[in-house]
Amino acid sequence: MNQTEKLLQIEDLVLHFNTARGPVQAVDGVHFTLDSNRAVVILGESGCGKSSLAKAILRLLPRNAGTYGGHIYLNGKDIMQLDEEEFRQNIRWASISMVPQAAMNSLNPVLRVGEQVAEPAIIHLNISKEEALSLVKKMFQHVGVPEDFINRYPFELSGGMRQRVAIAMALVTSPYLIILDEPTSALDVLTQANIFNVLKRLKHELGISFILITHDIATSSELADDVAVMYAGQIVEVSDAHRFFTAPLHPYSKKLMASVPRLHGDTEPEFITGRPPSLINLPKGCRFADRCPSRFEKCVEEPPTVEVDGRQVKCWLYSSGA
């Protein structure tokens, strides 16, 4: 399968979870596009649906998954139309892989890391264990893990090395896209910088696309080509990284950027008043209105997604209908 310029297109993706209190609308009509050899960062506060979006893309659905639908086009093919077996064989970990938030929790403590990284290659590439272990050594070189670590157990590795092993596991089948869910949240600042240097090099050398899920604005700027801001289950802004980090559009995006401490200047970091709405009892109209300093009477209605100089923003401030 040849890659097209539009690697991934997500249209009206919905994932709700059934609970005793009612459906949790974790992903509620998400749209965005990712080109080949690009990295998009999904920003937002905890609980806004970022990790649920990753689960929805990879079809990693818990038992209480309720409404699940929409369209996910990978290289022009709607993978939502595939049955579970086709998806498992051809998409999950073959074309799209994932680096989870806590590497130690995703690695089996009683298996050597080399065997764990080799397993996806054996299953999806249909190669022998010896060939897979040889491929693992190459992946370890890519991510900066010493070759002799192939026979070590996860508890014998540092947190940074375990994270590199998780990245190697995501790389071993040569996927088109890797989803990174808070890949450096439990690591110190220097290790975070080293991991992002590895990711930038892999993107350049192997031409892989990334979706980076995070709430850490400062580190996300290291990898981002594009930024999508998520709030209360919806994407409220999509922009190229340069313009987003210098001049965001949505009031929520502006508040997020204003909360980042600056090395230079006398501007004090700001905070966002209030708290995100419950994904069970979502407000009518704009979901950010109760916390927004720019709200006005039109915000009681659902805002449209408006294009502004090639960027998309879901806000009445930019709509001619206001």
C-alpha atoms as a PDB file:
ATOM      1  CA  MET A   1       0.000   0.000   0.000  1.00  0.00           C
ATOM      2  CA  ASN A   2       1.459   3.348  -1.028  1.00  0.00           C
ATOM      3  CA  GLN A   3       1.171   6.293   1.262  1.00  0.00           C
ATOM      4  CA  THR A   4      -0.854   9.256   0.057  1.00  0.00           C
ATOM      5  CA  GLU A   5      -0.309  12.839   1.127  1.00  0.00           C
ATOM      6  CA  LYS A   6      -3.365  12.605   3.404  1.00  0.00           C
ATOM      7  CA  LEU A   7      -2.308   9.735   5.607  1.00  0.00           C
ATOM      8  CA  LEU A   8      -5.135   9.902   8.136  1.00  0.00           C
ATOM      9  CA  GLN A   9      -8.545  11.565   7.893  1.00  0.00           C
ATOM     10  CA  ILE A  10     -10.954  11.399  10.825  1.00  0.00           C
ATOM     11  CA  GLU A  11     -14.562  12.447  10.260  1.00  0.00           C
ATOM     12  CA  ASP A  12     -17.270  12.684  12.911  1.00  0.00           C
ATOM     13  CA  LEU A  13     -15.614  10.113  15.203  1.00  0.00           C
ATOM     14  CA  VAL A  14     -17.717   9.260  18.247  1.00  0.00           C
ATOM     15  CA  LEU A  15     -16.914   7.083  21.274  1.00  0.00           C
ATOM     16  CA  HIS A  16     -19.208   7.083  24.309  1.00  0.00           C
ATOM     17  CA  PHE A  17     -18.913   4.885  27.390  1.00  0.00           C
ATOM     18  CA  ASN A  18     -21.893   3.449  29.258  1.00  0.00           C
ATOM     19  CA  THR A  19     -21.969   4.131  33.002  1.00  0.00           C
ATOM     20  CA  ALA A  20     -24.570   3.922  35.751  1.00  0.00           C
ATOM     21  CA  ARG A  21     -24.912   7.732  35.685  1.00  0.00           C
ATOM     22  CA  GLY A  22     -25.328   7.885  31.908  1.00  0.00           C
ATOM     23  CA  PRO A  23     -23.147   7.879  28.760  1.00  0.00           C
ATOM     24  CA  VAL A  24     -19.701   9.480  29.009  1.00  0.00           C
ATOM     25  CA  GLN A  25     -19.239  11.419  25.756  1.00  0.00           C
ATOM     26  CA  ALA A  26     -15.453  11.087  25.663  1.00  0.00           C
ATOM     27  CA  VAL A  27     -15.069  11.543  21.885  1.00  0.00           C
ATOM     28  CA  ASP A  28     -17.959  13.469  20.394  1.00  0.00           C
ATOM     29  CA  GLY A  29     -17.792  14.271  16.683  1.00  0.00           C
ATOM     30  CA  VAL A  30     -14.021  14.680  16.182  1.00  0.00           C
ATOM     31  CA  HIS A  31     -12.612  15.819  12.821  1.00  0.00           C
ATOM     32  CA  PHE A  32      -8.973  16.274  11.832  1.00  0.00           C
ATOM     33  CA  THR A  33      -6.462  15.320   9.132  1.00  0.00           C
ATOM     34  CA  LEU A  34      -2.841  14.185   9.328  1.00  0.00           C
ATOM     35  CA  ASP A  35      -0.480  14.287   6.358  1.00  0.00           C
ATOM     36  CA  SER A  36       2.360  11.851   5.722  1.00  0.00           C
ATOM     37  CA  ASN A  37       5.617  12.468   7.601  1.00  0.00           C
ATOM     38  CA  ARG A  38       3.944  14.941   9.960  1.00  0.00           C
ATOM     39  CA  ALA A  39       3.408  15.096  13.706  1.00  0.00           C
ATOM     40  CA  VAL A  40       0.171  16.408  15.173  1.00  0.00           C
ATOM     41  CA  VAL A  41      -0.049  17.188  18.876  1.00  0.00           C
ATOM     42  CA  ILE A  42      -3.393  16.732  20.651  1.00  0.00           C
ATOM     43  CA  LEU A  43      -3.453  19.231  23.527  1.00  0.00           C
ATOM     44  CA  GLY A  44      -5.952  19.579  26.328  1.00  0.00           C
ATOM     45  CA  GLU A  45      -6.571  19.251  30.046  1.00  0.00           C
ATOM     46  CA  SER A  46      -6.850  15.874  31.717  1.00  0.00           C
ATOM     47  CA  GLY A  47     -10.255  14.293  31.149  1.00  0.00           C
ATOM     48  CA  CYS A  48     -10.991  16.012  27.837  1.00  0.00           C
ATOM     49  CA  GLY A  49     -10.963  12.741  25.845  1.00  0.00           C
ATOM     50  CA  LYS A  50      -7.424  12.628  24.422  1.00  0.00           C
ATOM     51  CA  SER A  51      -6.620   9.043  25.440  1.00  0.00           C
ATOM     52  CA  SER A  52     -10.118   7.938  24.463  1.00  0.00           C
ATOM     53  CA  LEU A  53      -9.429   9.358  20.998  1.00  0.00           C
ATOM     54  CA  ALA A  54      -6.349   7.117  20.749  1.00  0.00           C
ATOM     55  CA  LYS A  55      -8.421   4.095  21.814  1.00  0.00           C
ATOM     56  CA  ALA A  56     -11.065   4.975  19.234  1.00  0.00           C
ATOM     57  CA  ILE A  57      -8.500   5.164  16.406  1.00  0.00           C
ATOM     58  CA  LEU A  58      -6.962   1.806  17.343  1.00  0.00           C
ATOM     59  CA  ARG A  59     -10.314   0.244  18.257  1.00  0.00           C
ATOM     60  CA  LEU A  60      -9.055  -0.600  21.759  1.00  0.00           C
ATOM     61  CA  LEU A  61     -12.510  -0.479  23.285  1.00  0.00           C
ATOM     62  CA  PRO A  62     -13.286  -1.351  26.916  1.00  0.00           C
ATOM     63  CA  ARG A  63     -16.255  -3.504  27.839  1.00  0.00           C
ATOM     64  CA  ASN A  64     -18.436  -0.516  28.658  1.00  0.00           C
ATOM     65  CA  ALA A  65     -17.993   1.073  25.219  1.00  0.00           C
ATOM     66  CA  GLY A  66     -21.357   2.253  23.955  1.00  0.00           C
ATOM     67  CA  THR A  67     -21.780   4.436  20.868  1.00  0.00           C
ATOM     68  CA  TYR A  68     -18.826   4.040  18.507  1.00  0.00           C
ATOM     69  CA  GLY A  69     -18.910   5.332  14.950  1.00  0.00           C
ATOM     70  CA  GLY A  70     -17.697   7.759  12.323  1.00  0.00           C
ATOM     71  CA  HIS A  71     -15.064   7.424   9.620  1.00  0.00           C
ATOM     72  CA  ILE A  72     -11.288   6.879   9.869  1.00  0.00           C
ATOM     73  CA  TYR A  73      -9.548   6.913   6.491  1.00  0.00           C
ATOM     74  CA  LEU A  74      -6.007   5.506   6.406  1.00  0.00           C
ATOM     75  CA  ASN A  75      -4.382   6.144   3.025  1.00  0.00           C
ATOM     76  CA  GLY A  76      -7.865   6.726   1.626  1.00  0.00           C
ATOM     77  CA  LYS A  77      -9.414   3.503   2.989  1.00  0.00           C
ATOM     78  CA  ASP A  78     -12.140   3.671   5.623  1.00  0.00           C
ATOM     79  CA  ILE A  79     -10.796   1.305   8.269  1.00  0.00           C
ATOM     80  CA  MET A  80     -14.006   1.618  10.294  1.00  0.00           C
ATOM     81  CA  GLN A  81     -15.610  -0.664   7.701  1.00  0.00           C
ATOM     82  CA  LEU A  82     -13.192  -3.528   8.467  1.00  0.00           C
ATOM     83  CA  ASP A  83     -14.316  -6.391  10.680  1.00  0.00           C
ATOM     84  CA  GLU A  84     -12.403  -7.066  13.877  1.00  0.00           C
ATOM     85  CA  GLU A  85     -10.131  -9.764  12.418  1.00  0.00           C
ATOM     86  CA  GLU A  86      -9.166  -7.661   9.386  1.00  0.00           C
ATOM     87  CA  PHE A  87      -8.496  -4.724  11.682  1.00  0.00           C
ATOM     88  CA  ARG A  88      -6.318  -6.820  13.974  1.00  0.00           C
ATOM     89  CA  GLN A  89      -4.285  -8.293  11.124  1.00  0.00           C
ATOM     90  CA  ASN A  90      -3.865  -5.252   8.880  1.00  0.00           C
ATOM     91  CA  ILE A  91      -4.248  -2.127  11.005  1.00  0.00           C
ATOM     92  CA  ARG A  92      -3.580  -2.472  14.735  1.00  0.00           C
ATOM     93  CA  TRP A  93       0.201  -2.577  15.165  1.00  0.00           C
ATOM     94  CA  ALA A  94       0.702  -3.353  11.459  1.00  0.00           C
ATOM     95  CA  SER A  95      -0.181   0.096  10.067  1.00  0.00           C
ATOM     96  CA  ILE A  96      -0.879   2.046  13.278  1.00  0.00           C
ATOM     97  CA  SER A  97       0.938   1.335  16.537  1.00  0.00           C
ATOM     98  CA  MET A  98       0.975   2.976  19.943  1.00  0.00           C
ATOM     99  CA  VAL A  99       3.365   3.934  22.729  1.00  0.00           C
ATOM    100  CA  PRO A 100       1.342   3.854  25.986  1.00  0.00           C
ATOM    101  CA  GLN A 101       1.585   6.339  28.808  1.00  0.00           C
ATOM    102  CA  ALA A 102       3.444   4.114  31.300  1.00  0.00           C
ATOM    103  CA  ALA A 103       5.966   1.799  29.645  1.00  0.00           C
ATOM    104  CA  MET A 104       6.450  -0.335  32.757  1.00  0.00           C
ATOM    105  CA  ASN A 105       2.724  -1.136  32.830  1.00  0.00           C
ATOM    106  CA  SER A 106       2.787  -2.249  29.180  1.00  0.00           C
ATOM    107  CA  LEU A 107       5.831  -4.513  29.479  1.00  0.00           C
ATOM    108  CA  ASN A 108       5.488  -8.028  30.902  1.00  0.00           C
ATOM    109  CA  PRO A 109       7.824  -8.186  33.934  1.00  0.00           C
ATOM    110  CA  VAL A 110       8.604 -11.905  33.467  1.00  0.00           C
ATOM    111  CA  LEU A 111       9.588 -11.741  29.765  1.00  0.00           C
ATOM    112  CA  ARG A 112      12.817 -10.376  28.330  1.00  0.00           C
ATOM    113  CA  VAL A 113      12.301  -7.101  26.505  1.00  0.00           C
ATOM    114  CA  GLY A 114      13.734  -8.499  23.261  1.00  0.00           C
ATOM    115  CA  GLU A 115      11.044 -11.183  23.133  1.00  0.00           C
ATOM    116  CA  GLN A 116       8.315  -8.622  23.769  1.00  0.00           C
ATOM    117  CA  VAL A 117       9.507  -6.280  21.023  1.00  0.00           C
ATOM    118  CA  ALA A 118       9.854  -9.238  18.632  1.00  0.00           C
ATOM    119  CA  GLU A 119       6.289 -10.508  19.180  1.00  0.00           C
ATOM    120  CA  PRO A 120       4.488  -7.956  16.921  1.00  0.00           C
ATOM    121  CA  ALA A 121       7.001  -8.659  14.125  1.00  0.00           C
ATOM    122  CA  ILE A 122       6.461 -12.416  14.389  1.00  0.00           C
ATOM    123  CA  ILE A 123       2.671 -12.001  14.259  1.00  0.00           C
ATOM    124  CA  HIS A 124       2.283  -9.265  11.640  1.00  0.00           C
ATOM    125  CA  LEU A 125       5.358  -9.776   9.433  1.00  0.00           C
ATOM    126  CA  ASN A 126       5.113 -13.590   9.530  1.00  0.00           C
ATOM    127  CA  ILE A 127       8.827 -14.076  10.200  1.00  0.00           C
ATOM    128  CA  SER A 128      10.751 -16.498  12.435  1.00  0.00           C
ATOM    129  CA  LYS A 129      11.772 -15.655  15.986  1.00  0.00           C
ATOM    130  CA  GLU A 130      15.439 -15.429  14.925  1.00  0.00           C
ATOM    131  CA  GLU A 131      14.604 -12.956  12.142  1.00  0.00           C
ATOM    132  CA  ALA A 132      12.436 -10.964  14.519  1.00  0.00           C
ATOM    133  CA  LEU A 133      15.189 -10.720  17.144  1.00  0.00           C
ATOM    134  CA  SER A 134      17.600  -9.555  14.451  1.00  0.00           C
ATOM    135  CA  LEU A 135      15.061  -6.862  13.541  1.00  0.00           C
ATOM    136  CA  VAL A 136      14.744  -5.937  17.218  1.00  0.00           C
ATOM    137  CA  LYS A 137      18.485  -5.229  17.357  1.00  0.00           C
ATOM    138  CA  LYS A 138      18.101  -2.804  14.447  1.00  0.00           C
ATOM    139  CA  MET A 139      15.180  -1.088  16.193  1.00  0.00           C
ATOM    140  CA  PHE A 140      17.240  -0.811  19.384  1.00  0.00           C
ATOM    141  CA  GLN A 141      19.946   0.953  17.375  1.00  0.00           C
ATOM    142  CA  HIS A 142      17.361   3.410  16.059  1.00  0.00           C
ATOM    143  CA  VAL A 143      16.116   4.324  19.535  1.00  0.00           C
ATOM    144  CA  GLY A 144      19.478   4.234  21.323  1.00  0.00           C
ATOM    145  CA  VAL A 145      19.124   1.051  23.372  1.00  0.00           C
ATOM    146  CA  PRO A 146      22.321  -1.046  23.739  1.00  0.00           C
ATOM    147  CA  GLU A 147      22.100  -4.331  21.832  1.00  0.00           C
ATOM    148  CA  ASP A 148      22.835  -6.466  24.882  1.00  0.00           C
ATOM    149  CA  PHE A 149      19.695  -5.115  26.581  1.00  0.00           C
ATOM    150  CA  ILE A 150      17.723  -7.514  24.387  1.00  0.00           C
ATOM    151  CA  ASN A 151      18.100 -10.204  27.075  1.00  0.00           C
ATOM    152  CA  ARG A 152      17.205  -7.997  30.026  1.00  0.00           C
ATOM    153  CA  TYR A 153      13.938  -7.856  31.935  1.00  0.00           C
ATOM    154  CA  PRO A 154      11.937  -4.607  32.225  1.00  0.00           C
ATOM    155  CA  PHE A 155      12.816  -4.076  35.899  1.00  0.00           C
ATOM    156  CA  GLU A 156      16.523  -4.052  34.969  1.00  0.00           C
ATOM    157  CA  LEU A 157      16.041  -0.947  32.788  1.00  0.00           C
ATOM    158  CA  SER A 158      15.672   2.696  33.768  1.00  0.00           C
ATOM    159  CA  GLY A 159      12.453   4.553  33.031  1.00  0.00           C
ATOM    160  CA  GLY A 160      13.984   6.228  29.985  1.00  0.00           C
ATOM    161  CA  MET A 161      15.257   2.929  28.592  1.00  0.00           C
ATOM    162  CA  ARG A 162      11.873   1.263  29.130  1.00  0.00           C
ATOM    163  CA  GLN A 163      10.254   4.096  27.195  1.00  0.00           C
ATOM    164  CA  ARG A 164      12.754   3.601  24.349  1.00  0.00           C
ATOM    165  CA  VAL A 165      11.929  -0.116  24.354  1.00  0.00           C
ATOM    166  CA  ALA A 166       8.219   0.765  24.056  1.00  0.00           C
ATOM    167  CA  ILE A 167       9.051   3.000  21.076  1.00  0.00           C
ATOM    168  CA  ALA A 168      11.081   0.163  19.501  1.00  0.00           C
ATOM    169  CA  MET A 169       8.072  -2.141  19.937  1.00  0.00           C
ATOM    170  CA  ALA A 170       5.888   0.398  18.130  1.00  0.00           C
ATOM    171  CA  LEU A 171       8.462   0.676  15.318  1.00  0.00           C
ATOM    172  CA  VAL A 172       9.204  -2.979  14.702  1.00  0.00           C
ATOM    173  CA  THR A 173       6.442  -3.545  12.119  1.00  0.00           C
ATOM    174  CA  SER A 174       7.311  -0.329  10.199  1.00  0.00           C
ATOM    175  CA  PRO A 175       3.880   1.290  10.658  1.00  0.00           C
ATOM    176  CA  TYR A 176       2.714   4.429   8.873  1.00  0.00           C
ATOM    177  CA  LEU A 177       1.583   6.066  12.107  1.00  0.00           C
ATOM    178  CA  ILE A 178       2.563   5.896  15.785  1.00  0.00           C
ATOM    179  CA  ILE A 179       0.277   7.249  18.510  1.00  0.00           C
ATOM    180  CA  LEU A 180       2.194   8.475  21.554  1.00  0.00           C
ATOM    181  CA  ASP A 181       0.062   8.785  24.704  1.00  0.00           C
ATOM    182  CA  GLU A 182       1.909  10.988  27.204  1.00  0.00           C
ATOM    183  CA  PRO A 183       5.195   9.178  26.388  1.00  0.00           C
ATOM    184  CA  THR A 184       7.384  11.225  28.754  1.00  0.00           C
ATOM    185  CA  SER A 185       5.012  12.125  31.585  1.00  0.00           C
ATOM    186  CA  ALA A 186       6.823  10.009  34.205  1.00  0.00           C
ATOM    187  CA  LEU A 187      10.373  10.968  33.142  1.00  0.00           C
ATOM    188  CA  ASP A 188      12.762  13.677  34.272  1.00  0.00           C
ATOM    189  CA  VAL A 189      13.405  16.721  32.072  1.00  0.00           C
ATOM    190  CA  LEU A 190      16.701  15.507  30.584  1.00  0.00           C
ATOM    191  CA  THR A 191      15.268  12.095  29.735  1.00  0.00           C
ATOM    192  CA  GLN A 192      12.240  13.787  28.174  1.00  0.00           C
ATOM    193  CA  ALA A 193      14.556  15.829  25.954  1.00  0.00           C
ATOM    194  CA  ASN A 194      16.456  12.704  24.905  1.00  0.00           C
ATOM    195  CA  ILE A 195      13.225  10.848  24.039  1.00  0.00           C
ATOM    196  CA  PHE A 196      11.974  13.740  21.906  1.00  0.00           C
ATOM    197  CA  ASN A 197      15.323  13.912  20.119  1.00  0.00           C
ATOM    198  CA  VAL A 198      14.901  10.220  19.272  1.00  0.00           C
ATOM    199  CA  LEU A 199      11.369  10.829  17.972  1.00  0.00           C
ATOM    200  CA  LYS A 200      12.458  13.769  15.807  1.00  0.00           C
ATOM    201  CA  ARG A 201      15.279  11.710  14.326  1.00  0.00           C
ATOM    202  CA  LEU A 202      12.949   8.773  13.596  1.00  0.00           C
ATOM    203  CA  LYS A 203      10.493  11.094  11.901  1.00  0.00           C
ATOM    204  CA  HIS A 204      13.259  12.476   9.698  1.00  0.00           C
ATOM    205  CA  GLU A 205      15.008   9.171   8.936  1.00  0.00           C
ATOM    206  CA  LEU A 206      12.035   6.798   8.616  1.00  0.00           C
ATOM    207  CA  GLY A 207       9.307   9.176   7.450  1.00  0.00           C
ATOM    208  CA  ILE A 208       6.881   8.071  10.164  1.00  0.00           C
ATOM    209  CA  SER A 209       3.917  10.211  11.200  1.00  0.00           C
ATOM    210  CA  PHE A 210       3.045  10.769  14.862  1.00  0.00           C
ATOM    211  CA  ILE A 211       0.027  11.675  16.946  1.00  0.00           C
ATOM    212  CA  LEU A 212       1.344  12.982  20.271  1.00  0.00           C
ATOM    213  CA  ILE A 213      -1.236  13.138  23.058  1.00  0.00           C
ATOM    214  CA  THR A 214      -0.207  15.409  25.915  1.00  0.00           C
ATOM    215  CA  HIS A 215      -1.129  18.274  28.207  1.00  0.00           C
ATOM    216  CA  ASP A 216       2.494  19.456  28.348  1.00  0.00           C
ATOM    217  CA  ILE A 217       2.628  22.400  25.956  1.00  0.00           C
ATOM    218  CA  ALA A 218       6.343  23.075  26.418  1.00  0.00           C
ATOM    219  CA  THR A 219       7.562  19.594  25.435  1.00  0.00           C
ATOM    220  CA  SER A 220       4.967  19.164  22.683  1.00  0.00           C
ATOM    221  CA  SER A 221       6.497  22.046  20.729  1.00  0.00           C
ATOM    222  CA  GLU A 222       9.618  19.917  20.217  1.00  0.00           C
ATOM    223  CA  LEU A 223       7.861  17.528  17.848  1.00  0.00           C
ATOM    224  CA  ALA A 224       4.761  19.323  16.581  1.00  0.00           C
ATOM    225  CA  ASP A 225       4.124  20.194  12.941  1.00  0.00           C
ATOM    226  CA  ASP A 226       0.422  20.747  13.655  1.00  0.00           C
ATOM    227  CA  VAL A 227      -1.636  21.191  16.810  1.00  0.00           C
ATOM    228  CA  ALA A 228      -5.194  20.082  17.569  1.00  0.00           C
ATOM    229  CA  VAL A 229      -6.754  21.361  20.796  1.00  0.00           C
ATOM    230  CA  MET A 230      -9.327  19.127  22.455  1.00  0.00           C
ATOM    231  CA  TYR A 231     -11.920  20.267  24.965  1.00  0.00           C
ATOM    232  CA  ALA A 232     -14.829  18.279  26.429  1.00  0.00           C
ATOM    233  CA  GLY A 233     -14.674  15.570  23.763  1.00  0.00           C
ATOM    234  CA  GLN A 234     -14.371  17.912  20.768  1.00  0.00           C
ATOM    235  CA  ILE A 235     -11.567  19.414  18.685  1.00  0.00           C
ATOM    236  CA  VAL A 236     -11.901  23.203  19.089  1.00  0.00           C
ATOM    237  CA  GLU A 237      -8.860  24.325  17.082  1.00  0.00           C
ATOM    238  CA  VAL A 238      -6.543  22.874  14.443  1.00  0.00           C
ATOM    239  CA  SER A 239      -3.522  24.899  13.367  1.00  0.00           C
ATOM    240  CA  ASP A 240       0.034  24.621  12.113  1.00  0.00           C
ATOM    241  CA  ALA A 241       2.402  24.602  15.087  1.00  0.00           C
ATOM    242  CA  HIS A 242       4.223  27.870  14.336  1.00  0.00           C
ATOM    243  CA  ARG A 243       1.093  30.008  14.268  1.00  0.00           C
ATOM    244  CA  PHE A 244      -0.509  28.147  17.156  1.00  0.00           C
ATOM    245  CA  PHE A 245       2.381  28.672  19.561  1.00  0.00           C
ATOM    246  CA  THR A 246       2.715  32.348  18.615  1.00  0.00           C
ATOM    247  CA  ALA A 247      -0.928  33.335  18.058  1.00  0.00           C
ATOM    248  CA  PRO A 248      -3.616  30.769  19.002  1.00  0.00           C
ATOM    249  CA  LEU A 249      -7.198  31.515  17.960  1.00  0.00           C
ATOM    250  CA  HIS A 250      -9.648  29.823  20.330  1.00  0.00           C
ATOM    251  CA  PRO A 251     -10.093  31.470  23.768  1.00  0.00           C
ATOM    252  CA  TYR A 252      -9.303  28.106  25.394  1.00  0.00           C
ATOM    253  CA  SER A 253      -6.077  27.803  23.352  1.00  0.00           C
ATOM    254  CA  LYS A 254      -5.096  31.333  24.367  1.00  0.00           C
ATOM    255  CA  LYS A 255      -5.595  30.470  28.015  1.00  0.00           C
ATOM    256  CA  LEU A 256      -3.544  27.278  27.643  1.00  0.00           C
ATOM    257  CA  MET A 257      -0.661  29.220  26.101  1.00  0.00           C
ATOM    258  CA  ALA A 258      -0.931  31.937  28.750  1.00  0.00           C
ATOM    259  CA  SER A 259      -0.518  29.280  31.467  1.00  0.00           C
ATOM    260  CA  VAL A 260       2.997  28.359  30.279  1.00  0.00           C
ATOM    261  CA  PRO A 261       5.798  30.036  32.320  1.00  0.00           C
ATOM    262  CA  ARG A 262       8.127  32.223  30.229  1.00  0.00           C
ATOM    263  CA  LEU A 263      11.908  32.325  30.569  1.00  0.00           C
ATOM    264  CA  HIS A 264      11.995  35.951  29.452  1.00  0.00           C
ATOM    265  CA  GLY A 265       9.640  38.813  30.195  1.00  0.00           C
ATOM    266  CA  ASP A 266       7.630  39.925  33.194  1.00  0.00           C
ATOM    267  CA  THR A 267       4.336  38.258  32.248  1.00  0.00           C
ATOM    268  CA  GLU A 268       2.961  36.078  35.028  1.00  0.00           C
ATOM    269  CA  PRO A 269       1.441  32.698  34.049  1.00  0.00           C
ATOM    270  CA  GLU A 270      -2.354  32.793  33.949  1.00  0.00           C
ATOM    271  CA  PHE A 271      -4.848  30.139  34.962  1.00  0.00           C
ATOM    272  CA  ILE A 272      -8.222  29.051  33.630  1.00  0.00           C
ATOM    273  CA  THR A 273     -11.048  29.653  36.064  1.00  0.00           C
ATOM    274  CA  GLY A 274     -13.507  26.902  36.867  1.00  0.00           C
ATOM    275  CA  ARG A 275     -13.214  23.294  35.774  1.00  0.00           C
ATOM    276  CA  PRO A 276     -13.980  21.296  32.621  1.00  0.00           C
ATOM    277  CA  PRO A 277     -17.613  20.195  32.284  1.00  0.00           C
ATOM    278  CA  SER A 278     -18.682  16.661  33.080  1.00  0.00           C
ATOM    279  CA  LEU A 279     -18.647  14.488  29.979  1.00  0.00           C
ATOM    280  CA  ILE A 280     -21.908  12.990  31.239  1.00  0.00           C
ATOM    281  CA  ASN A 281     -23.797  16.297  31.626  1.00  0.00           C
ATOM    282  CA  LEU A 282     -22.412  18.528  28.892  1.00  0.00           C
ATOM    283  CA  PRO A 283     -23.685  22.118  28.630  1.00  0.00           C
ATOM    284  CA  LYS A 284     -25.726  23.383  25.720  1.00  0.00           C
ATOM    285  CA  GLY A 285     -23.976  25.526  23.127  1.00  0.00           C
ATOM    286  CA  CYS A 286     -20.246  26.207  23.449  1.00  0.00           C
ATOM    287  CA  ARG A 287     -18.749  23.810  25.984  1.00  0.00           C
ATOM    288  CA  PHE A 288     -16.115  26.337  27.065  1.00  0.00           C
ATOM    289  CA  ALA A 289     -18.552  29.235  27.540  1.00  0.00           C
ATOM    290  CA  ASP A 290     -18.781  29.042  31.361  1.00  0.00           C
ATOM    291  CA  ARG A 291     -15.001  29.522  31.646  1.00  0.00           C
ATOM    292  CA  CYS A 292     -14.495  31.836  28.671  1.00  0.00           C
ATOM    293  CA  PRO A 293     -13.576  35.517  29.221  1.00  0.00           C
ATOM    294  CA  SER A 294     -14.901  36.356  25.724  1.00  0.00           C
ATOM    295  CA  ARG A 295     -18.344  34.755  25.978  1.00  0.00           C
ATOM    296  CA  PHE A 296     -21.398  36.610  24.703  1.00  0.00           C
ATOM    297  CA  GLU A 297     -25.064  35.874  24.058  1.00  0.00           C
ATOM    298  CA  LYS A 298     -24.461  33.720  20.946  1.00  0.00           C
ATOM    299  CA  CYS A 299     -22.442  31.177  22.959  1.00  0.00           C
ATOM    300  CA  VAL A 300     -25.627  29.471  24.175  1.00  0.00           C
ATOM    301  CA  GLU A 301     -25.788  27.920  20.681  1.00  0.00           C
ATOM    302  CA  GLU A 302     -23.454  25.221  19.297  1.00  0.00           C
ATOM    303  CA  PRO A 303     -20.588  27.079  17.558  1.00  0.00           C
ATOM    304  CA  PRO A 304     -19.627  26.167  13.982  1.00  0.00           C
ATOM    305  CA  THR A 305     -16.116  25.189  12.903  1.00  0.00           C
ATOM    306  CA  VAL A 306     -14.770  28.145  10.922  1.00  0.00           C
ATOM    307  CA  GLU A 307     -11.706  28.279   8.664  1.00  0.00           C
ATOM    308  CA  VAL A 308      -9.404  31.237   9.368  1.00  0.00           C
ATOM    309  CA  ASP A 309      -6.325  31.570   7.127  1.00  0.00           C
ATOM    310  CA  GLY A 310      -6.072  27.803   6.657  1.00  0.00           C
ATOM    311  CA  ARG A 311      -6.734  27.048  10.323  1.00  0.00           C
ATOM    312  CA  GLN A 312      -9.930  25.678  11.874  1.00  0.00           C
ATOM    313  CA  VAL A 313     -11.509  27.055  15.029  1.00  0.00           C
ATOM    314  CA  LYS A 314     -14.806  26.117  16.693  1.00  0.00           C
ATOM    315  CA  CYS A 315     -15.862  29.471  18.078  1.00  0.00           C
ATOM    316  CA  TRP A 316     -18.573  32.105  17.463  1.00  0.00           C
ATOM    317  CA  LEU A 317     -15.981  34.903  17.621  1.00  0.00           C
ATOM    318  CA  TYR A 318     -14.824  33.992  14.106  1.00  0.00           C
ATOM    319  CA  SER A 319     -18.202  33.283  12.545  1.00  0.00           C
ATOM    320  CA  SER A 320     -20.049  35.735  10.317  1.00  0.00           C
ATOM    321  CA  GLY A 321     -23.215  34.266  11.823  1.00  0.00           C
ATOM    322  CA  ALA A 322     -22.433  35.993  15.123  1.00  0.00           C
END
